[in-house]
Amino acid sequence: MSAIYTIITATLLLATILISLRTALIIKAVRHRKFFIDEAAGCCESLGFVGCSVICHTEVDMDLINHLLQSEYDRHEVVAALDSRLAPEEFYSIVEHFGMISVNPTTSNELKGIQLRALYRSRQRCYKRFVLIDAASTSPYDALNCATAVASFDYILPLPRNSRLHPYAIESAAMVISEQGDRGFDFIRCTADKECYILRREYIIQQDGFSASILGGTPRRNIISTAIPIAYSSESNKTIRRRLALYALGALGPFIVAGAFLASAPIIIATLLTAAFVALLARYSSQYIGTEKCSERVMLCYIRNLFDIFCLRKFTF
């Protein structure tokens, strides 16, 4: 019986320590970003001329595109992949709104199976960083591959489903990349708030394009993890809270059940105190991240990262 108490107590203590360390990393990263970005905002020269292409293919509309084009960083672009045959109204309303014209698609031959019908660029200079492609919607991964094939820069940021980018997200990504210097890496895993990835274009080509297993094709020493917030969830409060409740139940439920089964009030109290401490840390972190529904999202991120300690999640969109 004492062994069970020891295991439960050690597990709760370990979770508390890991979440405390993650909170400290997020706060340190956000402070570092603020200091760095104040000096280099919008200027690629201060960030090693790093270029980043944001690619998206789901729920693409004018609001999302305008949001992604807000960054003033001068070496970034937004590439949206849509199927004009499946969503003709959305596609051509974007073409009209941004004053886009069809141009000859220039794709690399490095990714096979690209089904690209047309490529559009804006005639308006203010939208020069936006590229719209008409891609056959055979699968989400094929759409991402089409967007990668026309992307101009060496680093690719696929925007997760139901997501938006934090202010200075592109500058933050460029800062993290430039800080690696000559160190080789395959992709950057952004673990604060909504998890997302920034992949080297060469790595995507080596893996024959995007797939569910693309994250598993590299040793851990070639993975960079950063606590700088890049993306956040745009889902409704109800959806986030429901998902948080499910994850919290999966993480803490077994300890509550064990405490009830063993008739141990200390185990139940320790579990509830751990949950309260995690909520407090999430609220504190949210003051630095500072977006809507932030504390709930941070708690959800904390719990999901605890599940991901021993395995790398599949790349799903």
Protein backbone atom coordinates (compact mmCIF):
# COMPACT_ATOMS: atom_id res chain seq x y z
CA MET A 1 0.00 0.00 0.00
CA SER A 2 2.83 2.38 0.83
CA ALA A 3 4.31 1.74 -2.62
CA ILE A 4 1.07 2.97 -4.25
CA TYR A 5 1.14 6.12 -2.14
CA THR A 6 4.76 6.71 -3.12
CA ILE A 7 4.08 6.24 -6.84
CA ILE A 8 1.05 8.57 -6.84
CA THR A 9 2.84 11.24 -4.80
CA ALA A 10 5.95 11.05 -7.00
CA THR A 11 3.86 11.30 -10.16
CA LEU A 12 1.98 14.37 -8.94
CA LEU A 13 5.21 15.97 -7.77
CA LEU A 14 6.92 15.27 -11.11
CA ALA A 15 3.98 16.77 -13.02
CA THR A 16 4.10 19.86 -10.82
CA ILE A 17 7.85 20.28 -11.37
CA LEU A 18 7.56 19.81 -15.16
CA ILE A 19 4.73 22.33 -15.45
CA SER A 20 6.60 24.81 -13.25
CA LEU A 21 9.66 24.48 -15.49
CA ARG A 22 7.52 24.98 -18.60
CA THR A 23 6.00 28.12 -17.07
CA ALA A 24 9.47 29.47 -16.34
CA LEU A 25 10.57 28.69 -19.91
CA ILE A 26 7.54 30.48 -21.39
CA ILE A 27 8.10 33.58 -19.27
CA LYS A 28 11.82 33.65 -20.05
CA ALA A 29 11.17 33.15 -23.78
CA VAL A 30 8.54 35.89 -23.94
CA ARG A 31 10.81 38.34 -22.13
CA HIS A 32 13.69 37.47 -24.43
CA ARG A 33 11.48 37.94 -27.47
CA LYS A 34 10.28 41.33 -26.27
CA PHE A 35 13.83 42.53 -25.74
CA PHE A 36 14.95 41.21 -29.12
CA ILE A 37 11.93 42.20 -31.19
CA ASP A 38 11.97 45.78 -29.90
CA GLU A 39 15.30 46.12 -31.67
CA ALA A 40 14.57 44.07 -34.77
CA ALA A 41 10.81 44.22 -35.47
CA GLY A 42 10.14 44.04 -39.21
CA CYS A 43 13.83 44.01 -40.14
CA CYS A 44 15.20 40.79 -41.62
CA GLU A 45 18.80 42.08 -41.50
CA SER A 46 18.86 41.92 -37.69
CA LEU A 47 17.51 38.36 -37.85
CA GLY A 48 20.04 36.92 -40.27
CA PHE A 49 17.85 37.46 -43.36
CA VAL A 50 15.73 34.47 -42.36
CA GLY A 51 12.68 34.01 -44.57
CA CYS A 52 9.51 32.15 -43.59
CA SER A 53 6.50 31.03 -45.63
CA VAL A 54 3.19 30.56 -43.80
CA ILE A 55 1.07 28.00 -45.62
CA CYS A 56 -2.58 27.19 -44.98
CA HIS A 57 -5.30 25.16 -46.64
CA THR A 58 -8.25 24.86 -44.26
CA GLU A 59 -10.88 27.46 -43.43
CA VAL A 60 -9.17 30.01 -45.66
CA ASP A 61 -11.17 33.22 -45.87
CA MET A 62 -10.57 36.96 -46.05
CA ASP A 63 -10.38 37.36 -42.28
CA LEU A 64 -7.68 34.70 -41.96
CA ILE A 65 -5.65 36.10 -44.85
CA ASN A 66 -5.83 39.66 -43.53
CA HIS A 67 -4.78 38.38 -40.12
CA LEU A 68 -1.76 36.53 -41.54
CA LEU A 69 -0.69 39.56 -43.60
CA GLN A 70 -0.51 41.83 -40.56
CA SER A 71 3.14 41.04 -39.89
CA GLU A 72 5.54 43.76 -40.99
CA TYR A 73 8.50 41.39 -41.24
CA ASP A 74 9.87 41.88 -44.74
CA ARG A 75 10.90 38.28 -45.53
CA HIS A 76 7.68 36.38 -45.11
CA GLU A 77 4.76 35.39 -47.31
CA VAL A 78 1.38 33.73 -47.00
CA VAL A 79 0.56 30.86 -49.36
CA ALA A 80 -3.06 29.66 -49.31
CA ALA A 81 -4.10 26.46 -51.08
CA LEU A 82 -7.77 26.16 -52.09
CA ASP A 83 -9.70 23.98 -54.50
CA SER A 84 -11.74 26.26 -56.75
CA ARG A 85 -13.98 23.36 -57.80
CA LEU A 86 -15.01 22.50 -54.25
CA ALA A 87 -15.33 26.07 -52.97
CA PRO A 88 -15.77 28.35 -56.01
CA GLU A 89 -17.48 31.20 -54.15
CA GLU A 90 -14.80 31.46 -51.47
CA PHE A 91 -12.00 31.10 -54.02
CA TYR A 92 -13.14 33.78 -56.45
CA SER A 93 -14.25 36.17 -53.73
CA ILE A 94 -10.66 36.09 -52.45
CA VAL A 95 -9.38 36.65 -56.00
CA GLU A 96 -11.66 39.67 -56.42
CA HIS A 97 -11.10 41.13 -52.94
CA PHE A 98 -7.31 41.11 -53.21
CA GLY A 99 -7.21 42.08 -56.89
CA MET A 100 -5.41 38.91 -57.94
CA ILE A 101 -4.42 37.77 -61.41
CA SER A 102 -3.39 34.36 -62.67
CA VAL A 103 0.32 33.98 -63.40
CA ASN A 104 2.44 31.13 -64.67
CA PRO A 105 2.98 28.74 -61.75
CA THR A 106 6.65 28.25 -60.99
CA THR A 107 7.01 25.15 -58.83
CA SER A 108 10.06 23.15 -57.88
CA ASN A 109 10.33 19.62 -59.23
CA GLU A 110 11.51 18.37 -55.87
CA LEU A 111 8.05 17.34 -54.64
CA LYS A 112 6.24 14.76 -56.75
CA GLY A 113 2.53 14.44 -57.39
CA ILE A 114 1.81 18.18 -57.30
CA GLN A 115 -1.63 18.88 -58.78
CA LEU A 116 -1.52 22.64 -59.21
CA ARG A 117 -4.12 24.14 -61.55
CA ALA A 118 -3.33 27.83 -61.23
CA LEU A 119 -1.39 30.39 -59.21
CA TYR A 120 -2.59 33.90 -58.38
CA ARG A 121 -0.75 36.98 -57.20
CA SER A 122 -2.13 40.37 -56.27
CA ARG A 123 -1.74 43.42 -58.49
CA GLN A 124 -1.90 45.57 -55.35
CA ARG A 125 1.50 46.19 -53.83
CA CYS A 126 0.16 46.04 -50.29
CA TYR A 127 -0.71 42.37 -50.87
CA LYS A 128 2.50 41.35 -52.61
CA ARG A 129 3.25 38.82 -49.87
CA PHE A 130 0.08 36.83 -50.57
CA VAL A 131 -0.03 33.88 -52.99
CA LEU A 132 -3.21 31.93 -53.76
CA ILE A 133 -3.04 28.57 -55.50
CA ASP A 134 -5.79 26.46 -57.01
CA ALA A 135 -4.84 22.96 -55.87
CA ALA A 136 -6.74 19.70 -56.32
CA SER A 137 -8.03 18.74 -52.89
CA THR A 138 -7.03 15.08 -52.81
CA SER A 139 -5.78 15.28 -49.19
CA PRO A 140 -4.65 17.96 -46.72
CA TYR A 141 -1.06 16.80 -47.12
CA ASP A 142 -1.19 17.20 -50.90
CA ALA A 143 -2.49 20.74 -50.46
CA LEU A 144 0.42 21.53 -48.11
CA ASN A 145 2.84 20.04 -50.63
CA CYS A 146 1.42 22.26 -53.38
CA ALA A 147 1.87 25.31 -51.15
CA THR A 148 5.42 24.26 -50.27
CA ALA A 149 6.26 23.79 -53.96
CA VAL A 150 5.53 27.46 -54.72
CA ALA A 151 6.85 28.87 -51.43
CA SER A 152 9.76 31.31 -51.78
CA PHE A 153 11.57 30.82 -48.46
CA ASP A 154 13.59 28.09 -46.77
CA TYR A 155 11.40 27.69 -43.70
CA ILE A 156 7.77 26.58 -43.80
CA LEU A 157 5.18 27.24 -41.10
CA PRO A 158 2.00 25.20 -41.75
CA LEU A 159 -0.82 26.93 -39.89
CA PRO A 160 -2.73 24.38 -37.78
CA ARG A 161 -6.48 24.01 -38.15
CA ASN A 162 -8.56 26.56 -36.18
CA SER A 163 -5.52 28.69 -35.41
CA ARG A 164 -4.20 32.23 -35.61
CA LEU A 165 -0.72 33.65 -35.15
CA HIS A 166 0.41 35.63 -32.14
CA PRO A 167 1.65 39.20 -32.70
CA TYR A 168 5.28 39.12 -33.86
CA ALA A 169 4.97 35.37 -34.56
CA ILE A 170 6.99 35.60 -37.78
CA GLU A 171 9.70 37.69 -36.14
CA SER A 172 9.75 35.22 -33.26
CA ALA A 173 10.17 32.29 -35.63
CA ALA A 174 12.97 34.09 -37.47
CA MET A 175 14.65 34.91 -34.15
CA VAL A 176 14.62 31.27 -33.04
CA ILE A 177 15.99 30.14 -36.41
CA SER A 178 18.75 32.76 -36.51
CA GLU A 179 19.85 31.88 -32.98
CA GLN A 180 20.70 28.35 -34.08
CA GLY A 181 23.64 29.65 -36.10
CA ASP A 182 25.39 26.76 -37.89
CA ARG A 183 23.58 24.09 -35.91
CA GLY A 184 21.71 21.76 -38.21
CA PHE A 185 18.08 20.98 -37.43
CA ASP A 186 15.07 19.58 -39.25
CA PHE A 187 12.22 21.41 -37.61
CA ILE A 188 11.28 23.60 -34.66
CA ARG A 189 8.55 22.48 -32.31
CA CYS A 190 6.66 25.37 -30.72
CA THR A 191 5.13 24.03 -27.50
CA ALA A 192 3.65 27.15 -25.90
CA ASP A 193 -0.08 27.70 -26.44
CA LYS A 194 -1.20 25.96 -29.69
CA GLU A 195 1.45 23.50 -30.77
CA CYS A 196 2.86 24.15 -34.23
CA TYR A 197 5.96 23.40 -36.27
CA ILE A 198 8.41 25.31 -38.45
CA LEU A 199 10.07 22.94 -40.90
CA ARG A 200 13.09 23.33 -43.12
CA ARG A 201 12.10 23.12 -46.76
CA GLU A 202 14.95 20.69 -47.44
CA TYR A 203 13.68 18.37 -44.70
CA ILE A 204 10.17 18.36 -46.23
CA ILE A 205 11.69 17.40 -49.58
CA GLN A 206 13.81 14.67 -47.97
CA GLN A 207 10.63 13.20 -46.45
CA ASP A 208 8.88 13.29 -49.87
CA GLY A 209 6.49 15.95 -48.68
CA PHE A 210 4.01 16.24 -45.84
CA SER A 211 2.48 13.14 -44.30
CA ALA A 212 1.22 11.97 -40.92
CA SER A 213 4.67 10.51 -40.18
CA ILE A 214 6.81 13.47 -41.23
CA LEU A 215 7.68 14.32 -37.62
CA GLY A 216 9.01 10.85 -36.94
CA GLY A 217 11.67 10.89 -39.62
CA THR A 218 14.30 12.75 -37.65
CA PRO A 219 16.37 12.05 -34.51
CA ARG A 220 15.51 14.12 -31.45
CA ARG A 221 18.87 15.90 -31.60
CA ASN A 222 17.67 17.53 -34.84
CA ILE A 223 14.52 18.90 -33.22
CA ILE A 224 14.52 22.38 -31.67
CA SER A 225 11.91 23.10 -29.01
CA THR A 226 10.93 26.65 -28.17
CA ALA A 227 8.60 28.07 -25.53
CA ILE A 228 7.95 31.23 -27.54
CA PRO A 229 4.22 31.43 -28.41
CA ILE A 230 3.70 31.29 -32.18
CA ALA A 231 0.12 30.12 -32.79
CA TYR A 232 -3.04 30.07 -30.70
CA SER A 233 -6.41 28.38 -31.03
CA SER A 234 -9.29 30.34 -32.54
CA GLU A 235 -11.89 27.83 -31.34
CA SER A 236 -14.83 28.93 -29.25
CA ASN A 237 -14.77 29.12 -25.46
CA LYS A 238 -17.15 26.17 -25.26
CA THR A 239 -14.95 23.94 -27.41
CA ILE A 240 -11.76 24.82 -25.53
CA ARG A 241 -13.36 24.26 -22.13
CA ARG A 242 -14.87 20.94 -23.21
CA ARG A 243 -11.52 19.74 -24.50
CA LEU A 244 -9.79 20.98 -21.35
CA ALA A 245 -12.29 19.08 -19.20
CA LEU A 246 -11.66 15.87 -21.13
CA TYR A 247 -7.88 16.17 -20.87
CA ALA A 248 -8.06 17.09 -17.18
CA LEU A 249 -10.32 14.13 -16.53
CA GLY A 250 -7.89 11.82 -18.31
CA ALA A 251 -4.89 13.24 -16.43
CA LEU A 252 -6.32 13.62 -12.92
CA GLY A 253 -9.26 11.21 -12.94
CA PRO A 254 -7.17 8.10 -12.23
CA PHE A 255 -5.68 9.74 -9.12
CA ILE A 256 -9.11 10.73 -7.81
CA VAL A 257 -10.39 7.20 -8.43
CA ALA A 258 -7.34 5.70 -6.74
CA GLY A 259 -7.81 7.98 -3.74
CA ALA A 260 -11.48 7.03 -3.48
CA PHE A 261 -10.73 3.31 -3.90
CA LEU A 262 -8.06 3.43 -1.19
CA ALA A 263 -10.22 5.71 0.97
CA SER A 264 -7.25 8.08 1.09
CA ALA A 265 -8.15 11.71 1.66
CA PRO A 266 -4.48 12.84 1.31
CA ILE A 267 -4.30 11.49 -2.28
CA ILE A 268 -7.52 13.27 -3.26
CA ILE A 269 -6.39 16.51 -1.59
CA ALA A 270 -2.93 16.29 -3.22
CA THR A 271 -4.57 15.78 -6.64
CA LEU A 272 -6.88 18.76 -6.19
CA LEU A 273 -4.00 20.92 -4.96
CA THR A 274 -1.96 19.92 -8.02
CA ALA A 275 -4.88 20.91 -10.29
CA ALA A 276 -5.23 24.25 -8.50
CA PHE A 277 -1.49 24.90 -8.78
CA VAL A 278 -1.54 24.14 -12.52
CA ALA A 279 -4.47 26.54 -12.97
CA LEU A 280 -2.56 29.23 -11.06
CA LEU A 281 0.55 28.75 -13.21
CA ALA A 282 -1.54 28.87 -16.38
CA ARG A 283 -3.16 32.13 -15.33
CA TYR A 284 0.25 33.59 -14.53
CA SER A 285 1.68 32.51 -17.90
CA SER A 286 -1.33 33.96 -19.69
CA GLN A 287 -0.36 37.43 -18.49
CA TYR A 288 2.76 37.14 -20.65
CA ILE A 289 1.13 35.46 -23.64
CA GLY A 290 -1.88 37.77 -23.44
CA THR A 291 -4.59 36.70 -25.88
CA GLU A 292 -8.27 35.81 -25.55
CA LYS A 293 -9.15 32.60 -23.67
CA CYS A 294 -5.47 32.37 -22.80
CA SER A 295 -5.49 30.70 -19.37
CA GLU A 296 -7.73 27.85 -20.55
CA ARG A 297 -5.56 27.32 -23.62
CA VAL A 298 -2.38 27.31 -21.56
CA MET A 299 -3.80 24.72 -19.16
CA LEU A 300 -4.80 22.57 -22.12
CA CYS A 301 -1.28 22.96 -23.53
CA TYR A 302 0.27 21.95 -20.20
CA ILE A 303 -1.75 18.75 -19.97
CA ARG A 304 -1.20 17.79 -23.59
CA ASN A 305 2.53 18.27 -23.24
CA LEU A 306 2.56 15.94 -20.24
CA PHE A 307 1.05 13.24 -22.46
CA ASP A 308 3.66 13.96 -25.15
CA ILE A 309 6.77 13.57 -23.00
CA PHE A 310 7.68 10.13 -24.29
CA CYS A 311 6.39 10.32 -27.85
CA LEU A 312 6.23 12.79 -30.71
CA ARG A 313 2.70 13.46 -31.88
CA LYS A 314 1.66 12.72 -35.43
CA PHE A 315 1.44 15.61 -37.85
CA THR A 316 -2.32 16.03 -38.32
CA PHE A 317 -4.28 18.89 -39.81
